């Protein structure tokens, strides 16, 4: 299993981020071939400090080959290319695997 984790920093306009993410970005991610699961959730803190990230998304693939094929295809490139359109707080991505 290979999981792409996307960490979104705090956007300048959280309401606009949420609306764009749910109505525009998620529909671009869902058709990426080879995705076993796609989840996203907002972050909160266990104390009074703000969490380091606003939203975390995870895209799971069965293998590195599935990940590479999905992300290099048309749907994967469309989703990746869309990120600068809404991620005003910056974004960090990494891959974890077993």
PDB file of N, CA and C in Angstrom:
ATOM      1  N   UNK A   1       0.851  -1.168   0.000  1.00  0.00           N
ATOM      2  CA  UNK A   1       0.000   0.000   0.000  1.00  0.00           C
ATOM      3  C   UNK A   1       0.902   1.237   0.000  1.00  0.00           C
ATOM      4  N   UNK A   2       0.571   2.185  -0.861  1.00  0.00           N
ATOM      5  CA  UNK A   2       1.267   3.477  -0.929  1.00  0.00           C
ATOM      6  C   UNK A   2       0.229   4.574  -0.721  1.00  0.00           C
ATOM      7  N   UNK A   3       0.496   5.452   0.224  1.00  0.00           N
ATOM      8  CA  UNK A   3      -0.456   6.508   0.571  1.00  0.00           C
ATOM      9  C   UNK A   3       0.190   7.865   0.339  1.00  0.00           C
ATOM     10  N   UNK A   4      -0.442   8.663  -0.504  1.00  0.00           N
ATOM     11  CA  UNK A   4      -0.026  10.047  -0.713  1.00  0.00           C
ATOM     12  C   UNK A   4      -0.749  10.875   0.330  1.00  0.00           C
ATOM     13  N   UNK A   5       0.008  11.572   1.165  1.00  0.00           N
ATOM     14  CA  UNK A   5      -0.566  12.454   2.177  1.00  0.00           C
ATOM     15  C   UNK A   5      -0.316  13.882   1.739  1.00  0.00           C
ATOM     16  N   UNK A   6      -1.385  14.678   1.746  1.00  0.00           N
ATOM     17  CA  UNK A   6      -1.309  16.075   1.335  1.00  0.00           C
ATOM     18  C   UNK A   6      -1.687  16.919   2.546  1.00  0.00           C
ATOM     19  N   UNK A   7      -0.774  17.790   2.969  1.00  0.00           N
ATOM     20  CA  UNK A   7      -0.978  18.646   4.141  1.00  0.00           C
ATOM     21  C   UNK A   7      -1.162  20.082   3.655  1.00  0.00           C
ATOM     22  N   UNK A   8      -2.345  20.621   3.850  1.00  0.00           N
ATOM     23  CA  UNK A   8      -2.644  21.981   3.411  1.00  0.00           C
ATOM     24  C   UNK A   8      -2.480  22.952   4.575  1.00  0.00           C
ATOM     25  N   UNK A   9      -1.699  24.003   4.360  1.00  0.00           N
ATOM     26  CA  UNK A   9      -1.553  25.059   5.357  1.00  0.00           C
ATOM     27  C   UNK A   9      -2.837  25.867   5.464  1.00  0.00           C
ATOM     28  N   UNK A  10      -2.878  26.736   6.437  1.00  0.00           N
ATOM     29  CA  UNK A  10      -4.066  27.555   6.674  1.00  0.00           C
ATOM     30  C   UNK A  10      -4.277  28.541   5.527  1.00  0.00           C
ATOM     31  N   UNK A  11      -5.427  28.452   4.849  1.00  0.00           N
ATOM     32  CA  UNK A  11      -5.691  29.333   3.710  1.00  0.00           C
ATOM     33  C   UNK A  11      -6.035  30.749   4.166  1.00  0.00           C
ATOM     34  N   UNK A  12      -5.889  31.692   3.252  1.00  0.00           N
ATOM     35  CA  UNK A  12      -6.243  33.076   3.563  1.00  0.00           C
ATOM     36  C   UNK A  12      -7.750  33.232   3.754  1.00  0.00           C
ATOM     37  N   UNK A  13      -8.543  32.425   3.076  1.00  0.00           N
ATOM     38  CA  UNK A  13     -10.003  32.463   3.198  1.00  0.00           C
ATOM     39  C   UNK A  13     -10.506  31.027   3.368  1.00  0.00           C
ATOM     40  N   UNK A  14     -10.659  30.561   4.615  1.00  0.00           N
ATOM     41  CA  UNK A  14     -11.065  29.173   4.844  1.00  0.00           C
ATOM     42  C   UNK A  14     -12.390  28.780   4.180  1.00  0.00           C
ATOM     43  N   UNK A  15     -13.373  29.665   4.190  1.00  0.00           N
ATOM     44  CA  UNK A  15     -14.669  29.332   3.580  1.00  0.00           C
ATOM     45  C   UNK A  15     -14.520  29.132   2.075  1.00  0.00           C
ATOM     46  N   UNK A  16     -13.749  29.983   1.426  1.00  0.00           N
ATOM     47  CA  UNK A  16     -13.522  29.841  -0.012  1.00  0.00           C
ATOM     48  C   UNK A  16     -12.733  28.569  -0.304  1.00  0.00           C
ATOM     49  N   UNK A  17     -11.745  28.261   0.535  1.00  0.00           N
ATOM     50  CA  UNK A  17     -10.971  27.021   0.380  1.00  0.00           C
ATOM     51  C   UNK A  17     -11.904  25.823   0.432  1.00  0.00           C
ATOM     52  N   UNK A  18     -12.741  25.761   1.485  1.00  0.00           N
ATOM     53  CA  UNK A  18     -13.632  24.612   1.668  1.00  0.00           C
ATOM     54  C   UNK A  18     -14.588  24.451   0.494  1.00  0.00           C
ATOM     55  N   UNK A  19     -15.176  25.543   0.047  1.00  0.00           N
ATOM     56  CA  UNK A  19     -16.118  25.467  -1.069  1.00  0.00           C
ATOM     57  C   UNK A  19     -15.422  24.985  -2.338  1.00  0.00           C
ATOM     58  N   UNK A  20     -14.257  25.558  -2.635  1.00  0.00           N
ATOM     59  CA  UNK A  20     -13.524  25.158  -3.834  1.00  0.00           C
ATOM     60  C   UNK A  20     -13.079  23.703  -3.726  1.00  0.00           C
ATOM     61  N   UNK A  21     -12.556  23.333  -2.572  1.00  0.00           N
ATOM     62  CA  UNK A  21     -12.054  21.975  -2.388  1.00  0.00           C
ATOM     63  C   UNK A  21     -13.159  20.949  -2.632  1.00  0.00           C
ATOM     64  N   UNK A  22     -14.311  21.169  -2.003  1.00  0.00           N
ATOM     65  CA  UNK A  22     -15.393  20.196  -2.096  1.00  0.00           C
ATOM     66  C   UNK A  22     -16.084  20.192  -3.456  1.00  0.00           C
ATOM     67  N   UNK A  23     -16.258  21.365  -4.056  1.00  0.00           N
ATOM     68  CA  UNK A  23     -17.023  21.431  -5.303  1.00  0.00           C
ATOM     69  C   UNK A  23     -16.168  21.294  -6.559  1.00  0.00           C
ATOM     70  N   UNK A  24     -14.886  21.648  -6.480  1.00  0.00           N
ATOM     71  CA  UNK A  24     -14.037  21.636  -7.670  1.00  0.00           C
ATOM     72  C   UNK A  24     -12.914  20.615  -7.576  1.00  0.00           C
ATOM     73  N   UNK A  25     -12.177  20.615  -6.462  1.00  0.00           N
ATOM     74  CA  UNK A  25     -10.997  19.755  -6.385  1.00  0.00           C
ATOM     75  C   UNK A  25     -11.352  18.282  -6.170  1.00  0.00           C
ATOM     76  N   UNK A  26     -12.230  17.995  -5.241  1.00  0.00           N
ATOM     77  CA  UNK A  26     -12.592  16.599  -4.972  1.00  0.00           C
ATOM     78  C   UNK A  26     -13.082  15.896  -6.242  1.00  0.00           C
ATOM     79  N   UNK A  27     -13.939  16.525  -7.059  1.00  0.00           N
ATOM     80  CA  UNK A  27     -14.345  15.858  -8.303  1.00  0.00           C
ATOM     81  C   UNK A  27     -13.195  15.612  -9.282  1.00  0.00           C
ATOM     82  N   UNK A  28     -12.088  16.326  -9.146  1.00  0.00           N
ATOM     83  CA  UNK A  28     -10.917  16.060  -9.978  1.00  0.00           C
ATOM     84  C   UNK A  28     -10.109  14.880  -9.453  1.00  0.00           C
ATOM     85  N   UNK A  29     -10.124  14.694  -8.141  1.00  0.00           N
ATOM     86  CA  UNK A  29      -9.342  13.617  -7.517  1.00  0.00           C
ATOM     87  C   UNK A  29     -10.035  12.267  -7.671  1.00  0.00           C
ATOM     88  N   UNK A  30     -11.336  12.236  -7.479  1.00  0.00           N
ATOM     89  CA  UNK A  30     -12.058  10.963  -7.434  1.00  0.00           C
ATOM     90  C   UNK A  30     -11.871  10.075  -8.667  1.00  0.00           C
ATOM     91  N   UNK A  31     -11.755  10.614  -9.892  1.00  0.00           N
ATOM     92  CA  UNK A  31     -11.585   9.715 -11.044  1.00  0.00           C
ATOM     93  C   UNK A  31     -10.150   9.262 -11.326  1.00  0.00           C
ATOM     94  N   UNK A  32      -9.193   9.608 -10.463  1.00  0.00           N
ATOM     95  CA  UNK A  32      -7.810   9.167 -10.702  1.00  0.00           C
ATOM     96  C   UNK A  32      -7.776   7.639 -10.678  1.00  0.00           C
ATOM     97  N   UNK A  33      -7.286   7.025 -11.750  1.00  0.00           N
ATOM     98  CA  UNK A  33      -7.249   5.564 -11.796  1.00  0.00           C
ATOM     99  C   UNK A  33      -6.341   4.975 -10.708  1.00  0.00           C
ATOM    100  N   UNK A  34      -6.775   3.862 -10.156  1.00  0.00           N
ATOM    101  CA  UNK A  34      -5.951   3.141  -9.192  1.00  0.00           C
ATOM    102  C   UNK A  34      -6.125   3.562  -7.749  1.00  0.00           C
ATOM    103  N   UNK A  35      -6.917   4.599  -7.482  1.00  0.00           N
ATOM    104  CA  UNK A  35      -7.118   5.005  -6.079  1.00  0.00           C
ATOM    105  C   UNK A  35      -7.965   3.956  -5.377  1.00  0.00           C
ATOM    106  N   UNK A  36      -7.438   3.447  -4.291  1.00  0.00           N
ATOM    107  CA  UNK A  36      -8.194   2.496  -3.463  1.00  0.00           C
ATOM    108  C   UNK A  36      -9.114   3.258  -2.510  1.00  0.00           C
ATOM    109  N   UNK A  37      -8.599   4.377  -1.958  1.00  0.00           N
ATOM    110  CA  UNK A  37      -9.430   5.219  -1.093  1.00  0.00           C
ATOM    111  C   UNK A  37      -8.918   6.652  -1.149  1.00  0.00           C
ATOM    112  N   UNK A  38      -9.827   7.582  -0.872  1.00  0.00           N
ATOM    113  CA  UNK A  38      -9.513   9.007  -0.831  1.00  0.00           C
ATOM    114  C   UNK A  38     -10.286   9.596   0.342  1.00  0.00           C
ATOM    115  N   UNK A  39      -9.559  10.149   1.303  1.00  0.00           N
ATOM    116  CA  UNK A  39     -10.192  10.777   2.465  1.00  0.00           C
ATOM    117  C   UNK A  39      -9.564  12.141   2.690  1.00  0.00           C
ATOM    118  N   UNK A  40     -10.338  13.016   3.305  1.00  0.00           N
ATOM    119  CA  UNK A  40      -9.807  14.318   3.707  1.00  0.00           C
ATOM    120  C   UNK A  40     -10.557  14.769   4.953  1.00  0.00           C
ATOM    121  N   UNK A  41      -9.827  15.523   5.782  1.00  0.00           N
ATOM    122  CA  UNK A  41     -10.421  15.995   7.030  1.00  0.00           C
ATOM    123  C   UNK A  41      -9.718  17.254   7.507  1.00  0.00           C
ATOM    124  N   UNK A  42     -10.482  18.074   8.209  1.00  0.00           N
ATOM    125  CA  UNK A  42      -9.918  19.292   8.802  1.00  0.00           C
ATOM    126  C   UNK A  42      -9.148  18.937  10.070  1.00  0.00           C
ATOM    127  N   UNK A  43      -8.202  19.783  10.422  1.00  0.00           N
ATOM    128  CA  UNK A  43      -7.375  19.564  11.609  1.00  0.00           C
ATOM    129  C   UNK A  43      -7.841  20.453  12.756  1.00  0.00           C
ATOM    130  N   UNK A  44      -7.649  19.973  13.952  1.00  0.00           N
ATOM    131  CA  UNK A  44      -7.861  20.781  15.150  1.00  0.00           C
ATOM    132  C   UNK A  44      -6.740  20.453  16.124  1.00  0.00           C
ATOM    133  N   UNK A  45      -6.647  21.263  17.157  1.00  0.00           N
ATOM    134  CA  UNK A  45      -5.555  21.130  18.100  1.00  0.00           C
ATOM    135  C   UNK A  45      -6.064  20.590  19.430  1.00  0.00           C
ATOM    136  N   UNK A  46      -5.172  19.975  20.184  1.00  0.00           N
ATOM    137  CA  UNK A  46      -5.541  19.482  21.510  1.00  0.00           C
ATOM    138  C   UNK A  46      -5.328  20.536  22.594  1.00  0.00           C
ATOM    139  N   UNK A  47      -4.788  21.689  22.209  1.00  0.00           N
ATOM    140  CA  UNK A  47      -4.609  22.791  23.150  1.00  0.00           C
ATOM    141  C   UNK A  47      -5.060  24.084  22.470  1.00  0.00           C
ATOM    142  N   UNK A  48      -4.700  25.225  23.032  1.00  0.00           N
ATOM    143  CA  UNK A  48      -5.161  26.508  22.486  1.00  0.00           C
ATOM    144  C   UNK A  48      -4.377  26.966  21.250  1.00  0.00           C
ATOM    145  N   UNK A  49      -3.327  26.271  20.915  1.00  0.00           N
ATOM    146  CA  UNK A  49      -2.536  26.634  19.741  1.00  0.00           C
ATOM    147  C   UNK A  49      -3.207  26.136  18.465  1.00  0.00           C
ATOM    148  N   UNK A  50      -3.077  26.893  17.389  1.00  0.00           N
ATOM    149  CA  UNK A  50      -3.664  26.419  16.136  1.00  0.00           C
ATOM    150  C   UNK A  50      -2.891  25.199  15.618  1.00  0.00           C
ATOM    151  N   UNK A  51      -3.574  24.287  14.963  1.00  0.00           N
ATOM    152  CA  UNK A  51      -2.866  23.128  14.408  1.00  0.00           C
ATOM    153  C   UNK A  51      -1.940  23.582  13.279  1.00  0.00           C
ATOM    154  N   UNK A  52      -0.911  22.817  12.993  1.00  0.00           N
ATOM    155  CA  UNK A  52       0.023  23.230  11.946  1.00  0.00           C
ATOM    156  C   UNK A  52      -0.575  23.187  10.546  1.00  0.00           C
ATOM    157  N   UNK A  53      -1.652  22.415  10.359  1.00  0.00           N
ATOM    158  CA  UNK A  53      -2.267  22.290   9.046  1.00  0.00           C
ATOM    159  C   UNK A  53      -3.767  22.533   9.142  1.00  0.00           C
ATOM    160  N   UNK A  54      -4.345  22.954   8.052  1.00  0.00           N
ATOM    161  CA  UNK A  54      -5.785  23.216   7.977  1.00  0.00           C
ATOM    162  C   UNK A  54      -6.546  21.953   7.581  1.00  0.00           C
ATOM    163  N   UNK A  55      -6.008  21.229   6.599  1.00  0.00           N
ATOM    164  CA  UNK A  55      -6.683  20.059   6.074  1.00  0.00           C
ATOM    165  C   UNK A  55      -5.651  19.012   5.676  1.00  0.00           C
ATOM    166  N   UNK A  56      -5.994  17.752   5.895  1.00  0.00           N
ATOM    167  CA  UNK A  56      -5.141  16.633   5.488  1.00  0.00           C
ATOM    168  C   UNK A  56      -5.944  15.762   4.537  1.00  0.00           C
ATOM    169  N   UNK A  57      -5.333  15.417   3.410  1.00  0.00           N
ATOM    170  CA  UNK A  57      -5.956  14.498   2.457  1.00  0.00           C
ATOM    171  C   UNK A  57      -5.049  13.290   2.277  1.00  0.00           C
ATOM    172  N   UNK A  58      -5.657  12.129   2.074  1.00  0.00           N
ATOM    173  CA  UNK A  58      -4.894  10.905   1.839  1.00  0.00           C
ATOM    174  C   UNK A  58      -5.482  10.155   0.652  1.00  0.00           C
ATOM    175  N   UNK A  59      -4.598   9.788  -0.265  1.00  0.00           N
ATOM    176  CA  UNK A  59      -4.966   9.001  -1.438  1.00  0.00           C
ATOM    177  C   UNK A  59      -4.200   7.693  -1.345  1.00  0.00           C
ATOM    178  N   UNK A  60      -4.899   6.574  -1.246  1.00  0.00           N
ATOM    179  CA  UNK A  60      -4.249   5.274  -1.101  1.00  0.00           C
ATOM    180  C   UNK A  60      -4.266   4.520  -2.423  1.00  0.00           C
ATOM    181  N   UNK A  61      -3.129   3.905  -2.720  1.00  0.00           N
ATOM    182  CA  UNK A  61      -2.956   3.084  -3.918  1.00  0.00           C
ATOM    183  C   UNK A  61      -2.392   1.736  -3.484  1.00  0.00           C
ATOM    184  N   UNK A  62      -2.712   0.682  -4.220  1.00  0.00           N
ATOM    185  CA  UNK A  62      -2.221  -0.646  -3.878  1.00  0.00           C
ATOM    186  C   UNK A  62      -0.712  -0.780  -4.041  1.00  0.00           C
ATOM    187  N   UNK A  63      -0.137  -0.062  -5.005  1.00  0.00           N
ATOM    188  CA  UNK A  63       1.289  -0.213  -5.280  1.00  0.00           C
ATOM    189  C   UNK A  63       1.884   1.098  -5.778  1.00  0.00           C
ATOM    190  N   UNK A  64       3.202   1.151  -5.782  1.00  0.00           N
ATOM    191  CA  UNK A  64       3.888   2.317  -6.339  1.00  0.00           C
ATOM    192  C   UNK A  64       3.556   2.464  -7.817  1.00  0.00           C
ATOM    193  N   UNK A  65       3.437   1.365  -8.511  1.00  0.00           N
ATOM    194  CA  UNK A  65       3.106   1.412  -9.937  1.00  0.00           C
ATOM    195  C   UNK A  65       1.717   2.012 -10.157  1.00  0.00           C
ATOM    196  N   UNK A  66       0.758   1.640  -9.319  1.00  0.00           N
ATOM    197  CA  UNK A  66      -0.589   2.210  -9.427  1.00  0.00           C
ATOM    198  C   UNK A  66      -0.559   3.710  -9.141  1.00  0.00           C
ATOM    199  N   UNK A  67       0.188   4.100  -8.121  1.00  0.00           N
ATOM    200  CA  UNK A  67       0.327   5.517  -7.785  1.00  0.00           C
ATOM    201  C   UNK A  67       0.920   6.293  -8.964  1.00  0.00           C
ATOM    202  N   UNK A  68       2.021   5.794  -9.485  1.00  0.00           N
ATOM    203  CA  UNK A  68       2.695   6.488 -10.588  1.00  0.00           C
ATOM    204  C   UNK A  68       1.802   6.566 -11.819  1.00  0.00           C
ATOM    205  N   UNK A  69       1.124   5.485 -12.149  1.00  0.00           N
ATOM    206  CA  UNK A  69       0.238   5.486 -13.317  1.00  0.00           C
ATOM    207  C   UNK A  69      -0.933   6.437 -13.108  1.00  0.00           C
ATOM    208  N   UNK A  70      -1.537   6.404 -11.920  1.00  0.00           N
ATOM    209  CA  UNK A  70      -2.676   7.277 -11.644  1.00  0.00           C
ATOM    210  C   UNK A  70      -2.313   8.742 -11.664  1.00  0.00           C
ATOM    211  N   UNK A  71      -1.195   9.079 -11.042  1.00  0.00           N
ATOM    212  CA  UNK A  71      -0.821  10.493 -10.937  1.00  0.00           C
ATOM    213  C   UNK A  71      -0.209  11.028 -12.230  1.00  0.00           C
ATOM    214  N   UNK A  72       0.330  10.172 -13.075  1.00  0.00           N
ATOM    215  CA  UNK A  72       0.911  10.654 -14.329  1.00  0.00           C
ATOM    216  C   UNK A  72      -0.120  10.730 -15.450  1.00  0.00           C
ATOM    217  N   UNK A  73      -1.277  10.136 -15.245  1.00  0.00           N
ATOM    218  CA  UNK A  73      -2.337  10.175 -16.244  1.00  0.00           C
ATOM    219  C   UNK A  73      -3.054  11.513 -16.259  1.00  0.00           C
ATOM    220  N   UNK A  74      -4.001  11.630 -17.161  1.00  0.00           N
ATOM    221  CA  UNK A  74      -4.737  12.886 -17.354  1.00  0.00           C
ATOM    222  C   UNK A  74      -5.452  13.342 -16.079  1.00  0.00           C
ATOM    223  N   UNK A  75      -6.154  12.435 -15.408  1.00  0.00           N
ATOM    224  CA  UNK A  75      -6.885  12.807 -14.190  1.00  0.00           C
ATOM    225  C   UNK A  75      -5.940  13.219 -13.069  1.00  0.00           C
ATOM    226  N   UNK A  76      -4.850  12.474 -12.893  1.00  0.00           N
ATOM    227  CA  UNK A  76      -3.876  12.807 -11.854  1.00  0.00           C
ATOM    228  C   UNK A  76      -3.217  14.150 -12.102  1.00  0.00           C
ATOM    229  N   UNK A  77      -2.885  14.426 -13.346  1.00  0.00           N
ATOM    230  CA  UNK A  77      -2.265  15.705 -13.696  1.00  0.00           C
ATOM    231  C   UNK A  77      -3.249  16.861 -13.518  1.00  0.00           C
ATOM    232  N   UNK A  78      -4.520  16.633 -13.823  1.00  0.00           N
ATOM    233  CA  UNK A  78      -5.535  17.676 -13.630  1.00  0.00           C
ATOM    234  C   UNK A  78      -5.687  18.008 -12.146  1.00  0.00           C
ATOM    235  N   UNK A  79      -5.731  16.980 -11.302  1.00  0.00           N
ATOM    236  CA  UNK A  79      -5.872  17.211  -9.859  1.00  0.00           C
ATOM    237  C   UNK A  79      -4.647  17.913  -9.296  1.00  0.00           C
ATOM    238  N   UNK A  80      -3.465  17.446  -9.661  1.00  0.00           N
ATOM    239  CA  UNK A  80      -2.231  18.077  -9.167  1.00  0.00           C
ATOM    240  C   UNK A  80      -2.112  19.507  -9.667  1.00  0.00           C
ATOM    241  N   UNK A  81      -2.475  19.742 -10.911  1.00  0.00           N
ATOM    242  CA  UNK A  81      -2.388  21.085 -11.477  1.00  0.00           C
ATOM    243  C   UNK A  81      -3.384  22.062 -10.887  1.00  0.00           C
ATOM    244  N   UNK A  82      -4.426  21.543 -10.258  1.00  0.00           N
ATOM    245  CA  UNK A  82      -5.451  22.393  -9.655  1.00  0.00           C
ATOM    246  C   UNK A  82      -5.046  22.952  -8.298  1.00  0.00           C
ATOM    247  N   UNK A  83      -4.108  22.309  -7.617  1.00  0.00           N
ATOM    248  CA  UNK A  83      -3.741  22.689  -6.248  1.00  0.00           C
ATOM    249  C   UNK A  83      -3.389  24.176  -6.110  1.00  0.00           C
ATOM    250  N   UNK A  84      -2.592  24.766  -6.988  1.00  0.00           N
ATOM    251  CA  UNK A  84      -2.283  26.199  -6.820  1.00  0.00           C
ATOM    252  C   UNK A  84      -3.501  27.121  -6.913  1.00  0.00           C
ATOM    253  N   UNK A  85      -4.609  26.620  -7.434  1.00  0.00           N
ATOM    254  CA  UNK A  85      -5.809  27.443  -7.566  1.00  0.00           C
ATOM    255  C   UNK A  85      -6.500  27.723  -6.231  1.00  0.00           C
ATOM    256  N   UNK A  86      -6.188  26.957  -5.200  1.00  0.00           N
ATOM    257  CA  UNK A  86      -6.888  27.152  -3.923  1.00  0.00           C
ATOM    258  C   UNK A  86      -5.991  27.048  -2.690  1.00  0.00           C
ATOM    259  N   UNK A  87      -4.807  26.476  -2.798  1.00  0.00           N
ATOM    260  CA  UNK A  87      -3.952  26.224  -1.632  1.00  0.00           C
ATOM    261  C   UNK A  87      -3.123  27.457  -1.284  1.00  0.00           C
ATOM    262  N   UNK A  88      -3.803  28.514  -0.848  1.00  0.00           N
ATOM    263  CA  UNK A  88      -3.127  29.778  -0.531  1.00  0.00           C
ATOM    264  C   UNK A  88      -2.234  29.689   0.704  1.00  0.00           C
ATOM    265  N   UNK A  89      -2.442  28.663   1.525  1.00  0.00           N
ATOM    266  CA  UNK A  89      -1.628  28.492   2.729  1.00  0.00           C
ATOM    267  C   UNK A  89      -0.451  27.565   2.530  1.00  0.00           C
ATOM    268  N   UNK A  90      -0.219  27.158   1.290  1.00  0.00           N
ATOM    269  CA  UNK A  90       0.879  26.240   0.996  1.00  0.00           C
ATOM    270  C   UNK A  90       0.442  24.794   1.133  1.00  0.00           C
ATOM    271  N   UNK A  91       1.262  23.911   0.596  1.00  0.00           N
ATOM    272  CA  UNK A  91       0.941  22.495   0.610  1.00  0.00           C
ATOM    273  C   UNK A  91       2.226  21.682   0.709  1.00  0.00           C
ATOM    274  N   UNK A  92       2.160  20.585   1.471  1.00  0.00           N
ATOM    275  CA  UNK A  92       3.266  19.642   1.593  1.00  0.00           C
ATOM    276  C   UNK A  92       2.711  18.266   1.242  1.00  0.00           C
ATOM    277  N   UNK A  93       3.446  17.514   0.418  1.00  0.00           N
ATOM    278  CA  UNK A  93       3.008  16.176   0.044  1.00  0.00           C
ATOM    279  C   UNK A  93       4.132  15.173   0.271  1.00  0.00           C
ATOM    280  N   UNK A  94       3.753  13.976   0.680  1.00  0.00           N
ATOM    281  CA  UNK A  94       4.733  12.892   0.795  1.00  0.00           C
ATOM    282  C   UNK A  94       4.024  11.567   0.596  1.00  0.00           C
ATOM    283  N   UNK A  95       4.816  10.520   0.376  1.00  0.00           N
ATOM    284  CA  UNK A  95       4.292   9.178   0.178  1.00  0.00           C
ATOM    285  C   UNK A  95       4.785   8.290   1.314  1.00  0.00           C
ATOM    286  N   UNK A  96       3.879   7.556   1.919  1.00  0.00           N
ATOM    287  CA  UNK A  96       4.217   6.548   2.927  1.00  0.00           C
ATOM    288  C   UNK A  96       3.856   5.190   2.351  1.00  0.00           C
ATOM    289  N   UNK A  97       4.598   4.170   2.724  1.00  0.00           N
ATOM    290  CA  UNK A  97       4.298   2.841   2.202  1.00  0.00           C
ATOM    291  C   UNK A  97       4.704   1.776   3.202  1.00  0.00           C
ATOM    292  N   UNK A  98       4.136   0.571   2.985  1.00  0.00           N
ATOM    293  CA  UNK A  98       4.523  -0.523   3.875  1.00  0.00           C
ATOM    294  C   UNK A  98       5.595  -1.358   3.260  1.00  0.00           C
TER     295      UNK A  98
END
